[in-house]
Amino acid sequence: MTLGLVAGLFAGSACTGGIGVGANGGGANRGGADATGGGESGSVGQGGNGPISQLDCPKTNAVPPAPLRRLSRVEYWATLKDLFPGISLGTVAFLKDAADRGFENRAKLLNPSPLLIEQLNDGAAAVAAKAMANPASLLPCTPTAATEADCASKFIDAFGEKAFRRPLSVDEKSSYLGLFNTARAGGTLFNAAAQLTVQAFLQAPQFLYRIELGTAEAGSPDRLRLTQFEVATRMSYLLWGSAPDATLMEKARQKQLETSADRESEVRRMLGDPRATGMFVEFHRQWLDFDQLDNEPKDPKTYPAFTPELKTAMRAESDRFVANVMGKGDGTLRSLLTSPTTEVDATLAELYGVSPPASGWKEVSLDPMERAGILTRANFLASHGHMVSGSPPLRAVYTFKRLLCHTIGSPPGNVDLTQPVAKVGTISTNRQLFEQRLAPAACSACHTVFDPLGYAFENYDGIGRYRTTDNGLPVDATGQLEVGDINWQISNGVDLSTKLAESPEVQACVASQWFEYAQGREKSDADECSIQTLANSFVAKRGDMRELLVALVKDPDFTFRPIINP
């Protein structure tokens, strides 16, 4: 298991199996732009129209492609943390994974570079050294001259199963034992040989990749049933973003993940683990682009309150809010979009106009007439704005894409994307300036479709402070959204958040986002029936995201992959 072998696998592992379609609730033929936001300039594509029952979904054995997936950076470190509990692993420089519509776990983007391979090598060496600094935490036995061979064998079996998320094959056991024995024969001490072996495990393709081989099944010529350990790995990385624990591995060993009922029971156990809350936070970080705040500087003269401390608090609030909704709360889309309850520190309390905590963070209830859920919180509002004002188009496009799953084509190349400013001697609201900018037909054809979503947030300035006037003029946050089956009269951001929470279109979009996150690829037309079923289940469970994951794992297709013929 040399670094050369790892690099060799990396070089030929860009398997995705995905079909490029829009990130929406409908198929490729429903959008007016491609998955990356390209397509005809200025075009707007419709996503799915919520739970739909008219699709003809015959019972077939067709299973869409399953890509070979490298552990993402987040999954890699979560796996190491679980693999070496109680050991401070520190940090190792590691390239940030590219994202496609927010998600960083797309198999097609997880292609290794020479620099990443070098970083993985350095990381494996550093982690192995830290782990073996306390050998009792890693070795299942204390070696003596008489028991050394048996101890080495037990160590390789135990650690290998954890690292590869399944028992080692005979050949793998022989290979790693040979590596250990070669090191010992060269004069290396037992613990040092174990450290080298750990380092090799952490660079192996079987550790860095989620390899699914499957087994043939009678009557299913086009698909393979995943092994029980492969099913366990799919479950753990979906629900925890990390490797299976001992309980899940034992379930796999006893073949107790074969039926939908078996998997449902285990999913419910896993959802009660704190790691599930961490996974929910991670999913929402990617889906809702919580990190965009780093890319939106603010003018210090206009916003002297926008200090590094406030910016850090804005970002932290997003994670805390999701953790509370998904970990302590009811786990519903409605709460995510409409709950006025949040946590604040002293800097954020001032922005929201509530009493600050004596120290640290405290839970507060914000004014429900001003704040409702994640879209009326400072992070989203500040992240989608310019240096001196909020941006209705940026806020609208975000909502249109991420929560309604519609596609928007690229604007014409000569479009002015700078922040509009009032003419000398005139006073205008931010909305009026954007309406003037976007009035020409080349702009209005698309912007009139989605901009009402952005105007709904005009009660919030460029850093998310609530306001009723803008430049001394009354704020107008009203609008009418007409797209697909939607025809909404919107009065403000709170009203919009409530409408989004109740919308079947949004619920179908969320189901589609979870499906793509679970699969690590874009959805294809072949996935339509699975997504339809998932969306209908989500609506039936009143938007409970935990129940959505239960339904996803219970689906029989969760345990299969297609046969890919050369």
Protein backbone atom coordinates (compact mmCIF):
# COMPACT_ATOMS: atom_id res chain seq x y z
CA MET A 1 0.00 0.00 0.00
CA THR A 2 2.47 2.62 -1.13
CA LEU A 3 1.74 6.23 -1.97
CA GLY A 4 2.30 5.30 -5.61
CA LEU A 5 -0.59 2.84 -5.44
CA VAL A 6 -2.80 5.49 -3.88
CA ALA A 7 -1.86 7.99 -6.57
CA GLY A 8 -2.50 5.38 -9.25
CA LEU A 9 -6.03 4.80 -8.03
CA PHE A 10 -6.61 8.55 -7.74
CA ALA A 11 -5.57 9.10 -11.32
CA GLY A 12 -8.26 6.83 -12.69
CA SER A 13 -11.09 7.35 -10.26
CA ALA A 14 -13.09 10.26 -11.64
CA CYS A 15 -16.20 8.08 -11.95
CA THR A 16 -19.41 10.06 -11.56
CA GLY A 17 -22.17 8.39 -13.49
CA GLY A 18 -24.28 11.54 -13.20
CA ILE A 19 -26.25 13.22 -15.96
CA GLY A 20 -26.04 17.00 -16.00
CA VAL A 21 -29.44 18.43 -15.17
CA GLY A 22 -30.68 21.45 -13.31
CA ALA A 23 -30.65 21.39 -9.53
CA ASN A 24 -34.39 21.30 -9.43
CA GLY A 25 -37.28 19.08 -8.57
CA GLY A 26 -37.94 18.26 -12.21
CA GLY A 27 -36.06 16.51 -14.99
CA ALA A 28 -33.60 17.88 -17.48
CA ASN A 29 -36.42 18.81 -19.83
CA ARG A 30 -38.04 21.14 -17.30
CA GLY A 31 -35.37 23.81 -17.01
CA GLY A 32 -34.27 26.61 -19.25
CA ALA A 33 -30.62 26.49 -18.20
CA ASP A 34 -28.05 23.87 -17.43
CA ALA A 35 -26.93 22.68 -14.03
CA THR A 36 -24.25 25.30 -13.64
CA GLY A 37 -26.48 28.26 -14.32
CA GLY A 38 -25.52 28.56 -17.96
CA GLY A 39 -27.80 28.09 -20.91
CA GLU A 40 -29.47 30.90 -22.82
CA SER A 41 -28.57 34.26 -21.31
CA GLY A 42 -31.21 35.56 -19.00
CA SER A 43 -33.41 32.48 -19.22
CA VAL A 44 -35.35 31.18 -16.25
CA GLY A 45 -36.11 27.48 -15.90
CA GLN A 46 -38.85 25.96 -13.83
CA GLY A 47 -38.11 23.33 -11.27
CA GLY A 48 -40.46 20.70 -9.94
CA ASN A 49 -44.01 21.59 -9.06
CA GLY A 50 -44.12 19.85 -5.72
CA PRO A 51 -45.34 16.32 -5.04
CA ILE A 52 -46.67 15.01 -8.35
CA SER A 53 -48.72 11.89 -8.75
CA GLN A 54 -49.14 11.78 -12.51
CA LEU A 55 -45.74 10.24 -13.26
CA ASP A 56 -45.92 6.65 -14.40
CA CYS A 57 -43.54 4.83 -12.10
CA PRO A 58 -43.43 1.15 -13.06
CA LYS A 59 -41.71 -1.34 -10.83
CA THR A 60 -38.39 -2.00 -12.50
CA ASN A 61 -34.93 -3.09 -11.48
CA ALA A 62 -33.29 -0.02 -13.00
CA VAL A 63 -30.97 1.74 -10.56
CA PRO A 64 -29.24 4.97 -11.64
CA PRO A 65 -25.42 5.06 -11.61
CA ALA A 66 -23.63 5.22 -8.28
CA PRO A 67 -20.36 7.18 -8.47
CA LEU A 68 -17.11 6.12 -6.85
CA ARG A 69 -16.75 8.70 -4.11
CA ARG A 70 -13.67 9.95 -2.33
CA LEU A 71 -14.20 11.14 1.20
CA SER A 72 -14.69 14.89 1.14
CA ARG A 73 -12.49 17.01 3.36
CA VAL A 74 -15.25 17.23 5.97
CA GLU A 75 -15.90 13.48 5.83
CA TYR A 76 -12.18 12.71 5.99
CA TRP A 77 -11.64 14.63 9.23
CA ALA A 78 -14.87 13.37 10.80
CA THR A 79 -13.78 9.81 9.99
CA LEU A 80 -10.36 10.35 11.54
CA LYS A 81 -11.97 11.80 14.65
CA ASP A 82 -14.11 8.68 15.06
CA LEU A 83 -11.25 6.37 14.14
CA PHE A 84 -9.02 7.84 16.85
CA PRO A 85 -11.37 8.87 19.67
CA GLY A 86 -9.86 10.91 22.46
CA ILE A 87 -6.75 11.80 20.47
CA SER A 88 -6.06 15.42 19.56
CA LEU A 89 -5.21 15.18 15.88
CA GLY A 90 -4.48 18.86 15.31
CA THR A 91 -4.91 20.22 11.81
CA VAL A 92 -3.17 19.47 8.56
CA ALA A 93 -3.37 21.75 5.52
CA PHE A 94 -5.96 20.27 3.23
CA LEU A 95 -7.36 21.67 -0.01
CA LYS A 96 -10.95 22.90 0.19
CA ASP A 97 -13.25 20.79 -1.94
CA ALA A 98 -14.94 22.43 -4.90
CA ALA A 99 -18.70 22.87 -4.69
CA ASP A 100 -21.50 22.41 -7.22
CA ARG A 101 -24.60 24.40 -6.28
CA GLY A 102 -23.32 24.37 -2.73
CA PHE A 103 -22.57 20.69 -2.27
CA GLU A 104 -18.96 19.67 -1.73
CA ASN A 105 -19.56 15.93 -1.84
CA ARG A 106 -20.15 15.67 -5.61
CA ALA A 107 -18.13 12.68 -6.75
CA LYS A 108 -17.30 14.33 -10.08
CA LEU A 109 -15.55 17.18 -8.24
CA LEU A 110 -13.60 15.05 -5.78
CA ASN A 111 -10.76 14.38 -8.19
CA PRO A 112 -7.35 14.40 -6.53
CA SER A 113 -4.53 16.70 -7.51
CA PRO A 114 -0.81 16.15 -6.90
CA LEU A 115 -0.99 18.69 -4.09
CA LEU A 116 -3.91 16.92 -2.45
CA ILE A 117 -2.10 13.57 -2.65
CA GLU A 118 0.91 15.15 -0.97
CA GLN A 119 -1.33 16.61 1.73
CA LEU A 120 -2.98 13.24 2.31
CA ASN A 121 0.45 11.68 2.68
CA ASP A 122 1.54 14.33 5.18
CA GLY A 123 -1.75 14.04 7.02
CA ALA A 124 -1.49 10.27 7.32
CA ALA A 125 2.03 10.55 8.75
CA ALA A 126 1.04 13.25 11.25
CA VAL A 127 -2.12 11.46 12.40
CA ALA A 128 -0.38 8.09 12.74
CA ALA A 129 2.34 9.68 14.88
CA LYS A 130 -0.20 11.36 17.16
CA ALA A 131 -2.23 8.17 17.46
CA MET A 132 0.76 6.03 18.43
CA ALA A 133 1.90 8.56 21.02
CA ASN A 134 -0.58 6.67 23.21
CA PRO A 135 -0.34 3.09 21.89
CA ALA A 136 -2.76 1.73 24.49
CA SER A 137 -5.55 3.72 22.82
CA LEU A 138 -4.93 1.95 19.52
CA LEU A 139 -3.44 -1.49 20.14
CA PRO A 140 -5.86 -4.25 21.24
CA CYS A 141 -3.08 -5.99 23.19
CA THR A 142 0.26 -5.45 24.89
CA PRO A 143 2.95 -7.24 22.87
CA THR A 144 5.63 -9.39 24.45
CA ALA A 145 8.31 -11.50 22.81
CA ALA A 146 5.99 -14.50 23.01
CA THR A 147 2.78 -12.77 21.90
CA GLU A 148 4.07 -10.24 19.40
CA ALA A 149 2.97 -12.11 16.26
CA ASP A 150 -0.52 -12.72 17.60
CA CYS A 151 -0.78 -9.11 18.81
CA ALA A 152 0.23 -7.75 15.41
CA SER A 153 -2.36 -9.96 13.72
CA LYS A 154 -5.12 -8.79 16.08
CA PHE A 155 -4.10 -5.15 15.64
CA ILE A 156 -4.23 -5.35 11.85
CA ASP A 157 -7.60 -7.15 11.90
CA ALA A 158 -9.16 -4.66 14.33
CA PHE A 159 -7.77 -1.43 12.92
CA GLY A 160 -8.14 -2.60 9.33
CA GLU A 161 -11.85 -3.29 9.80
CA LYS A 162 -12.40 0.18 11.25
CA ALA A 163 -10.36 1.90 8.53
CA PHE A 164 -11.88 0.00 5.59
CA ARG A 165 -15.36 -0.14 7.15
CA ARG A 166 -15.47 -3.90 6.60
CA PRO A 167 -13.35 -6.94 7.51
CA LEU A 168 -10.08 -7.24 5.62
CA SER A 169 -9.82 -9.75 2.83
CA VAL A 170 -7.23 -12.52 3.12
CA ASP A 171 -4.96 -10.75 0.64
CA GLU A 172 -5.29 -7.41 2.42
CA LYS A 173 -4.49 -9.00 5.76
CA SER A 174 -1.42 -10.64 4.25
CA SER A 175 -0.28 -7.38 2.63
CA TYR A 176 -0.48 -5.28 5.79
CA LEU A 177 0.96 -7.98 7.98
CA GLY A 178 3.83 -8.26 5.49
CA LEU A 179 4.41 -4.51 5.73
CA PHE A 180 4.47 -4.71 9.52
CA ASN A 181 6.83 -7.70 9.58
CA THR A 182 9.17 -6.10 7.05
CA ALA A 183 9.45 -3.04 9.27
CA ARG A 184 10.14 -5.21 12.33
CA ALA A 185 12.74 -7.27 10.46
CA GLY A 186 14.56 -4.03 9.61
CA GLY A 187 14.97 -3.24 13.30
CA THR A 188 11.90 -1.02 13.78
CA LEU A 189 10.27 -1.28 17.19
CA PHE A 190 6.80 -2.81 17.47
CA ASN A 191 5.03 0.51 18.08
CA ALA A 192 6.92 2.19 15.28
CA ALA A 193 6.00 -0.63 12.90
CA ALA A 194 2.38 -0.24 13.97
CA GLN A 195 2.62 3.48 13.27
CA LEU A 196 3.89 2.82 9.74
CA THR A 197 1.06 0.35 9.22
CA VAL A 198 -1.53 2.91 10.36
CA GLN A 199 0.01 5.43 8.00
CA ALA A 200 -0.35 2.96 5.12
CA PHE A 201 -4.00 2.24 6.02
CA LEU A 202 -4.79 5.95 5.95
CA GLN A 203 -3.45 6.28 2.41
CA ALA A 204 -5.19 3.21 1.05
CA PRO A 205 -7.92 3.57 -1.59
CA GLN A 206 -10.17 1.43 0.60
CA PHE A 207 -9.99 4.13 3.28
CA LEU A 208 -10.04 7.26 1.13
CA TYR A 209 -12.80 6.02 -1.17
CA ARG A 210 -16.21 4.55 -0.55
CA ILE A 211 -15.76 1.55 -2.82
CA GLU A 212 -18.95 -0.39 -3.57
CA LEU A 213 -18.52 -3.73 -5.34
CA GLY A 214 -21.81 -5.42 -4.51
CA THR A 215 -22.85 -8.97 -5.29
CA ALA A 216 -24.91 -10.47 -8.10
CA GLU A 217 -28.52 -11.28 -7.37
CA ALA A 218 -30.72 -13.78 -9.21
CA GLY A 219 -33.30 -12.09 -11.40
CA SER A 220 -31.48 -8.76 -11.43
CA PRO A 221 -29.16 -8.79 -14.45
CA ASP A 222 -28.65 -5.02 -14.46
CA ARG A 223 -27.87 -4.34 -10.83
CA LEU A 224 -25.85 -5.57 -7.88
CA ARG A 225 -26.94 -5.77 -4.28
CA LEU A 226 -24.58 -3.94 -1.95
CA THR A 227 -22.94 -5.98 0.76
CA GLN A 228 -24.19 -5.34 4.27
CA PHE A 229 -21.00 -3.46 5.12
CA GLU A 230 -21.44 -1.28 2.02
CA VAL A 231 -25.01 -0.51 3.09
CA ALA A 232 -23.74 0.37 6.57
CA THR A 233 -21.20 2.76 5.04
CA ARG A 234 -23.86 4.44 2.89
CA MET A 235 -25.99 4.90 5.98
CA SER A 236 -23.24 6.26 8.20
CA TYR A 237 -21.95 8.83 5.72
CA LEU A 238 -25.47 10.04 5.00
CA LEU A 239 -26.56 10.27 8.64
CA TRP A 240 -23.26 11.10 10.34
CA GLY A 241 -20.84 12.16 7.64
CA SER A 242 -18.46 9.58 9.08
CA ALA A 243 -17.71 5.87 9.33
CA PRO A 244 -20.02 3.25 10.89
CA ASP A 245 -19.76 2.74 14.63
CA ALA A 246 -19.36 -0.65 16.32
CA THR A 247 -23.13 -1.15 16.62
CA LEU A 248 -23.76 -0.51 12.93
CA MET A 249 -20.84 -2.77 11.97
CA GLU A 250 -22.27 -5.56 14.08
CA LYS A 251 -25.66 -5.10 12.41
CA ALA A 252 -23.91 -5.50 9.07
CA ARG A 253 -22.03 -8.57 10.29
CA GLN A 254 -25.30 -10.18 11.41
CA LYS A 255 -27.03 -9.23 8.11
CA GLN A 256 -29.51 -7.07 9.95
CA LEU A 257 -29.61 -4.25 7.39
CA GLU A 258 -31.28 -6.23 4.62
CA THR A 259 -34.92 -5.22 5.05
CA SER A 260 -36.47 -1.76 5.09
CA ALA A 261 -37.63 -2.39 8.65
CA ASP A 262 -34.07 -3.32 9.69
CA ARG A 263 -32.68 -0.12 8.23
CA GLU A 264 -35.45 2.04 9.64
CA SER A 265 -34.75 0.81 13.14
CA GLU A 266 -31.06 1.58 12.77
CA VAL A 267 -31.66 4.99 11.17
CA ARG A 268 -33.78 6.04 14.12
CA ARG A 269 -31.01 5.00 16.51
CA MET A 270 -28.44 6.91 14.50
CA LEU A 271 -30.58 10.05 14.34
CA GLY A 272 -30.46 10.15 18.14
CA ASP A 273 -26.67 10.37 18.08
CA PRO A 274 -25.03 13.84 18.35
CA ARG A 275 -23.21 13.12 15.09
CA ALA A 276 -26.56 13.34 13.29
CA THR A 277 -26.98 16.91 14.50
CA GLY A 278 -23.50 17.68 13.20
CA MET A 279 -24.45 16.19 9.85
CA PHE A 280 -27.59 18.34 9.65
CA VAL A 281 -25.47 21.42 10.32
CA GLU A 282 -23.02 20.36 7.62
CA PHE A 283 -25.77 19.70 5.05
CA HIS A 284 -27.32 23.09 5.66
CA ARG A 285 -23.92 24.82 5.59
CA GLN A 286 -23.45 23.54 2.07
CA TRP A 287 -27.03 23.72 0.78
CA LEU A 288 -27.75 27.20 2.16
CA ASP A 289 -24.23 28.54 1.58
CA PHE A 290 -23.55 29.73 5.12
CA ASP A 291 -19.92 30.51 4.27
CA GLN A 292 -20.79 33.11 1.61
CA LEU A 293 -20.44 35.78 4.29
CA ASP A 294 -16.66 35.62 3.89
CA ASN A 295 -17.04 36.86 0.31
CA GLU A 296 -19.12 39.96 1.05
CA PRO A 297 -17.13 42.80 2.66
CA LYS A 298 -18.99 45.81 4.01
CA ASP A 299 -18.18 49.51 3.87
CA PRO A 300 -16.87 50.45 7.35
CA LYS A 301 -18.26 53.99 7.10
CA THR A 302 -21.76 52.77 6.34
CA TYR A 303 -21.62 49.88 8.78
CA PRO A 304 -19.21 50.66 11.64
CA ALA A 305 -20.99 47.98 13.69
CA PHE A 306 -19.88 45.29 11.22
CA THR A 307 -16.84 44.24 13.22
CA PRO A 308 -14.97 40.95 12.90
CA GLU A 309 -16.69 39.89 16.11
CA LEU A 310 -20.16 40.57 14.67
CA LYS A 311 -19.30 38.78 11.45
CA THR A 312 -18.10 35.72 13.41
CA ALA A 313 -21.28 35.76 15.48
CA MET A 314 -23.49 35.99 12.37
CA ARG A 315 -21.82 32.92 10.94
CA ALA A 316 -21.95 30.98 14.21
CA GLU A 317 -25.64 31.74 14.70
CA SER A 318 -26.49 29.84 11.51
CA ASP A 319 -24.92 26.62 12.79
CA ARG A 320 -26.46 27.06 16.23
CA PHE A 321 -29.90 27.68 14.78
CA VAL A 322 -29.80 24.56 12.60
CA ALA A 323 -28.45 22.47 15.48
CA ASN A 324 -31.31 23.61 17.71
CA VAL A 325 -33.99 22.99 15.09
CA MET A 326 -32.65 19.59 14.05
CA GLY A 327 -31.19 18.39 17.34
CA LYS A 328 -33.45 19.82 20.03
CA GLY A 329 -36.46 20.97 18.01
CA ASP A 330 -39.01 19.28 15.80
CA GLY A 331 -36.64 18.97 12.83
CA THR A 332 -39.10 20.44 10.35
CA LEU A 333 -38.68 22.67 7.34
CA ARG A 334 -41.33 24.93 8.86
CA SER A 335 -39.22 25.59 11.95
CA LEU A 336 -36.13 26.18 9.82
CA LEU A 337 -37.98 28.84 7.83
CA THR A 338 -40.28 30.38 10.44
CA SER A 339 -38.97 29.93 13.99
CA PRO A 340 -38.25 33.26 15.76
CA THR A 341 -36.10 31.49 18.36
CA THR A 342 -32.33 31.75 18.04
CA GLU A 343 -29.13 32.16 20.04
CA VAL A 344 -27.22 35.41 20.35
CA ASP A 345 -24.02 36.72 21.87
CA ALA A 346 -23.59 40.36 22.93
CA THR A 347 -22.74 41.67 19.44
CA LEU A 348 -25.60 39.86 17.71
CA ALA A 349 -28.05 40.83 20.46
CA GLU A 350 -27.41 44.49 19.68
CA LEU A 351 -28.10 43.99 15.99
CA TYR A 352 -31.36 42.13 16.73
CA GLY A 353 -32.41 44.58 19.44
CA VAL A 354 -32.66 42.07 22.29
CA SER A 355 -31.03 41.98 25.70
CA PRO A 356 -27.51 40.53 25.60
CA PRO A 357 -26.31 37.55 27.61
CA ALA A 358 -24.03 38.13 30.58
CA SER A 359 -21.43 36.10 28.72
CA GLY A 360 -21.26 33.65 25.86
CA TRP A 361 -24.51 32.79 24.09
CA LYS A 362 -28.12 32.57 25.19
CA GLU A 363 -31.41 31.54 23.60
CA VAL A 364 -33.80 34.38 22.79
CA SER A 365 -37.07 34.87 20.97
CA LEU A 366 -36.90 37.56 18.30
CA ASP A 367 -39.85 39.75 17.34
CA PRO A 368 -42.01 37.42 15.17
CA MET A 369 -43.21 40.42 13.16
CA GLU A 370 -39.60 41.08 12.11
CA ARG A 371 -37.83 37.71 12.10
CA ALA A 372 -38.90 34.27 10.95
CA GLY A 373 -36.35 31.54 10.36
CA ILE A 374 -33.08 31.36 8.52
CA LEU A 375 -33.92 33.80 5.69
CA THR A 376 -34.49 36.72 8.08
CA ARG A 377 -31.25 36.16 9.99
CA ALA A 378 -28.16 38.29 9.64
CA ASN A 379 -25.96 35.74 7.88
CA PHE A 380 -28.21 35.29 4.85
CA LEU A 381 -29.06 38.97 4.62
CA ALA A 382 -25.46 40.20 4.92
CA SER A 383 -24.14 37.47 2.64
CA HIS A 384 -26.40 38.54 -0.21
CA GLY A 385 -25.79 42.23 -0.45
CA HIS A 386 -23.33 44.84 -1.60
CA MET A 387 -20.88 46.87 0.45
CA VAL A 388 -23.39 49.61 1.32
CA SER A 389 -26.80 48.04 0.74
CA GLY A 390 -28.72 44.81 0.46
CA SER A 391 -29.21 43.35 -3.02
CA PRO A 392 -32.74 42.28 -3.98
CA PRO A 393 -31.46 40.34 -7.03
CA LEU A 394 -28.86 38.40 -5.03
CA ARG A 395 -31.37 37.55 -2.31
CA ALA A 396 -33.97 36.62 -4.92
CA VAL A 397 -31.68 34.39 -6.98
CA TYR A 398 -30.53 32.56 -3.86
CA THR A 399 -34.12 31.84 -2.78
CA PHE A 400 -35.20 30.96 -6.32
CA LYS A 401 -32.40 28.42 -6.74
CA ARG A 402 -31.85 26.97 -3.28
CA LEU A 403 -35.44 26.79 -1.98
CA LEU A 404 -37.55 26.57 -5.15
CA CYS A 405 -34.98 24.63 -7.20
CA HIS A 406 -35.40 26.74 -10.31
CA THR A 407 -32.58 27.45 -12.71
CA ILE A 408 -31.54 30.88 -13.93
CA GLY A 409 -29.44 31.48 -17.00
CA SER A 410 -26.41 33.76 -17.03
CA PRO A 411 -27.12 37.46 -17.59
CA PRO A 412 -25.95 39.16 -20.81
CA GLY A 413 -22.26 39.88 -20.84
CA ASN A 414 -22.67 43.65 -20.90
CA VAL A 415 -24.93 43.85 -17.83
CA ASP A 416 -23.92 46.36 -15.14
CA LEU A 417 -23.57 44.32 -11.94
CA THR A 418 -22.38 47.17 -9.73
CA GLN A 419 -24.50 48.56 -6.95
CA PRO A 420 -26.88 51.26 -8.30
CA VAL A 421 -26.58 54.73 -6.78
CA ALA A 422 -28.97 57.68 -6.75
CA LYS A 423 -28.40 60.64 -9.03
CA VAL A 424 -26.97 63.73 -7.39
CA GLY A 425 -29.70 65.72 -5.69
CA THR A 426 -32.23 62.87 -5.60
CA ILE A 427 -33.36 60.57 -2.81
CA SER A 428 -34.41 57.00 -3.56
CA THR A 429 -34.89 53.77 -1.69
CA ASN A 430 -32.67 50.81 -2.44
CA ARG A 431 -35.62 49.11 -4.13
CA GLN A 432 -36.31 52.08 -6.38
CA LEU A 433 -32.70 52.17 -7.51
CA PHE A 434 -32.77 48.50 -8.47
CA GLU A 435 -36.14 48.85 -10.19
CA GLN A 436 -34.72 51.64 -12.33
CA ARG A 437 -31.60 49.61 -13.12
CA LEU A 438 -33.63 46.53 -14.09
CA ALA A 439 -36.38 48.32 -16.04
CA PRO A 440 -34.93 47.73 -19.55
CA ALA A 441 -36.50 44.78 -21.38
CA ALA A 442 -33.19 42.90 -21.53
CA CYS A 443 -33.26 42.74 -17.72
CA SER A 444 -36.93 42.81 -16.81
CA ALA A 445 -37.83 39.69 -18.79
CA CYS A 446 -36.20 37.57 -16.09
CA HIS A 447 -36.04 39.88 -13.10
CA THR A 448 -39.78 40.47 -12.98
CA VAL A 449 -40.13 36.71 -12.45
CA PHE A 450 -37.91 36.30 -9.40
CA ASP A 451 -37.15 39.77 -8.00
CA PRO A 452 -40.31 39.83 -5.83
CA LEU A 453 -38.47 37.27 -3.68
CA GLY A 454 -35.67 39.79 -3.13
CA TYR A 455 -37.87 42.83 -2.56
CA ALA A 456 -39.54 40.92 0.29
CA PHE A 457 -36.30 41.41 2.26
CA GLU A 458 -36.11 45.20 1.86
CA ASN A 459 -36.88 45.60 5.56
CA TYR A 460 -33.27 44.52 6.16
CA ASP A 461 -30.22 46.57 5.31
CA GLY A 462 -26.87 45.33 4.04
CA ILE A 463 -25.93 43.66 7.35
CA GLY A 464 -29.40 42.44 8.24
CA ARG A 465 -30.60 45.18 10.59
CA TYR A 466 -34.37 45.64 10.56
CA ARG A 467 -35.71 48.92 9.22
CA THR A 468 -39.01 50.49 8.21
CA THR A 469 -37.51 53.42 6.29
CA ASP A 470 -34.71 53.68 3.75
CA ASN A 471 -33.10 57.06 3.14
CA GLY A 472 -36.02 58.57 4.99
CA LEU A 473 -38.59 56.97 2.69
CA PRO A 474 -40.96 54.12 3.63
CA VAL A 475 -39.68 50.63 2.81
CA ASP A 476 -41.76 48.72 0.27
CA ALA A 477 -41.31 44.96 0.80
CA THR A 478 -44.41 43.85 -1.12
CA GLY A 479 -44.57 41.94 -4.35
CA GLN A 480 -46.28 39.26 -6.39
CA LEU A 481 -44.54 36.03 -7.36
CA GLU A 482 -45.95 34.17 -10.36
CA VAL A 483 -43.97 31.12 -11.42
CA GLY A 484 -45.13 27.60 -12.13
CA ASP A 485 -48.11 26.84 -9.92
CA ILE A 486 -47.19 29.66 -7.53
CA ASN A 487 -49.14 32.91 -7.42
CA TRP A 488 -48.29 34.66 -4.17
CA GLN A 489 -49.01 38.12 -2.87
CA ILE A 490 -46.03 38.81 -0.61
CA SER A 491 -46.07 41.48 2.07
CA ASN A 492 -42.57 41.10 3.60
CA GLY A 493 -39.80 38.67 4.50
CA VAL A 494 -41.74 37.06 7.35
CA ASP A 495 -44.73 36.50 5.09
CA LEU A 496 -42.51 35.06 2.36
CA SER A 497 -40.80 32.71 4.82
CA THR A 498 -44.21 31.39 5.93
CA LYS A 499 -45.33 30.86 2.34
CA LEU A 500 -42.10 29.04 1.50
CA ALA A 501 -42.48 26.79 4.55
CA GLU A 502 -45.99 25.77 3.45
CA SER A 503 -45.15 25.34 -0.23
CA PRO A 504 -45.25 21.86 -1.81
CA GLU A 505 -42.77 23.21 -4.37
CA VAL A 506 -40.27 24.01 -1.66
CA GLN A 507 -40.83 20.66 0.05
CA ALA A 508 -40.22 18.87 -3.25
CA CYS A 509 -37.07 20.96 -3.75
CA VAL A 510 -35.76 20.03 -0.30
CA ALA A 511 -36.41 16.34 -1.00
CA SER A 512 -34.47 16.66 -4.26
CA GLN A 513 -31.57 18.40 -2.51
CA TRP A 514 -31.32 15.64 0.09
CA PHE A 515 -31.46 12.99 -2.64
CA GLU A 516 -28.55 14.56 -4.51
CA TYR A 517 -26.58 15.00 -1.29
CA ALA A 518 -27.12 11.34 -0.42
CA GLN A 519 -26.13 10.16 -3.91
CA GLY A 520 -23.15 12.49 -4.30
CA ARG A 521 -24.23 13.38 -7.82
CA GLU A 522 -26.76 15.32 -9.82
CA LYS A 523 -30.08 13.61 -10.25
CA SER A 524 -31.05 12.16 -13.61
CA ASP A 525 -34.36 11.54 -15.34
CA ALA A 526 -34.16 7.96 -14.06
CA ASP A 527 -34.41 9.34 -10.53
CA GLU A 528 -37.72 11.13 -11.08
CA CYS A 529 -39.91 8.43 -9.54
CA SER A 530 -37.64 8.00 -6.51
CA ILE A 531 -37.62 11.73 -5.89
CA GLN A 532 -41.37 11.94 -6.39
CA THR A 533 -41.91 9.23 -3.79
CA LEU A 534 -39.49 10.91 -1.42
CA ALA A 535 -41.19 14.30 -1.85
CA ASN A 536 -44.64 12.83 -1.25
CA SER A 537 -43.38 11.16 1.91
CA PHE A 538 -41.84 14.45 3.06
CA VAL A 539 -45.16 16.28 2.63
CA ALA A 540 -47.04 13.47 4.37
CA LYS A 541 -44.67 13.77 7.35
CA ARG A 542 -45.30 17.54 7.50
CA GLY A 543 -41.82 18.49 6.36
CA ASP A 544 -39.92 16.49 8.99
CA MET A 545 -36.36 16.22 7.67
CA ARG A 546 -35.51 13.35 9.98
CA GLU A 547 -38.42 11.36 8.56
CA LEU A 548 -37.22 12.29 5.09
CA LEU A 549 -33.92 10.52 5.81
CA VAL A 550 -35.77 7.51 7.20
CA ALA A 551 -37.73 7.26 3.95
CA LEU A 552 -34.58 7.68 1.86
CA VAL A 553 -32.74 4.83 3.59
CA LYS A 554 -35.81 2.56 3.65
CA ASP A 555 -36.10 2.75 -0.14
CA PRO A 556 -35.06 -0.67 -1.54
CA ASP A 557 -32.98 1.10 -4.22
CA PHE A 558 -30.74 2.39 -1.41
CA THR A 559 -29.16 -1.08 -1.23
CA PHE A 560 -28.30 -1.52 -4.91
CA ARG A 561 -25.93 -0.18 -7.53
CA PRO A 562 -26.05 -0.72 -11.31
CA ILE A 563 -23.82 -3.04 -13.27
CA ILE A 564 -21.65 -0.85 -15.46
CA ASN A 565 -20.56 -2.70 -18.58
CA PRO A 566 -17.36 -1.55 -20.30
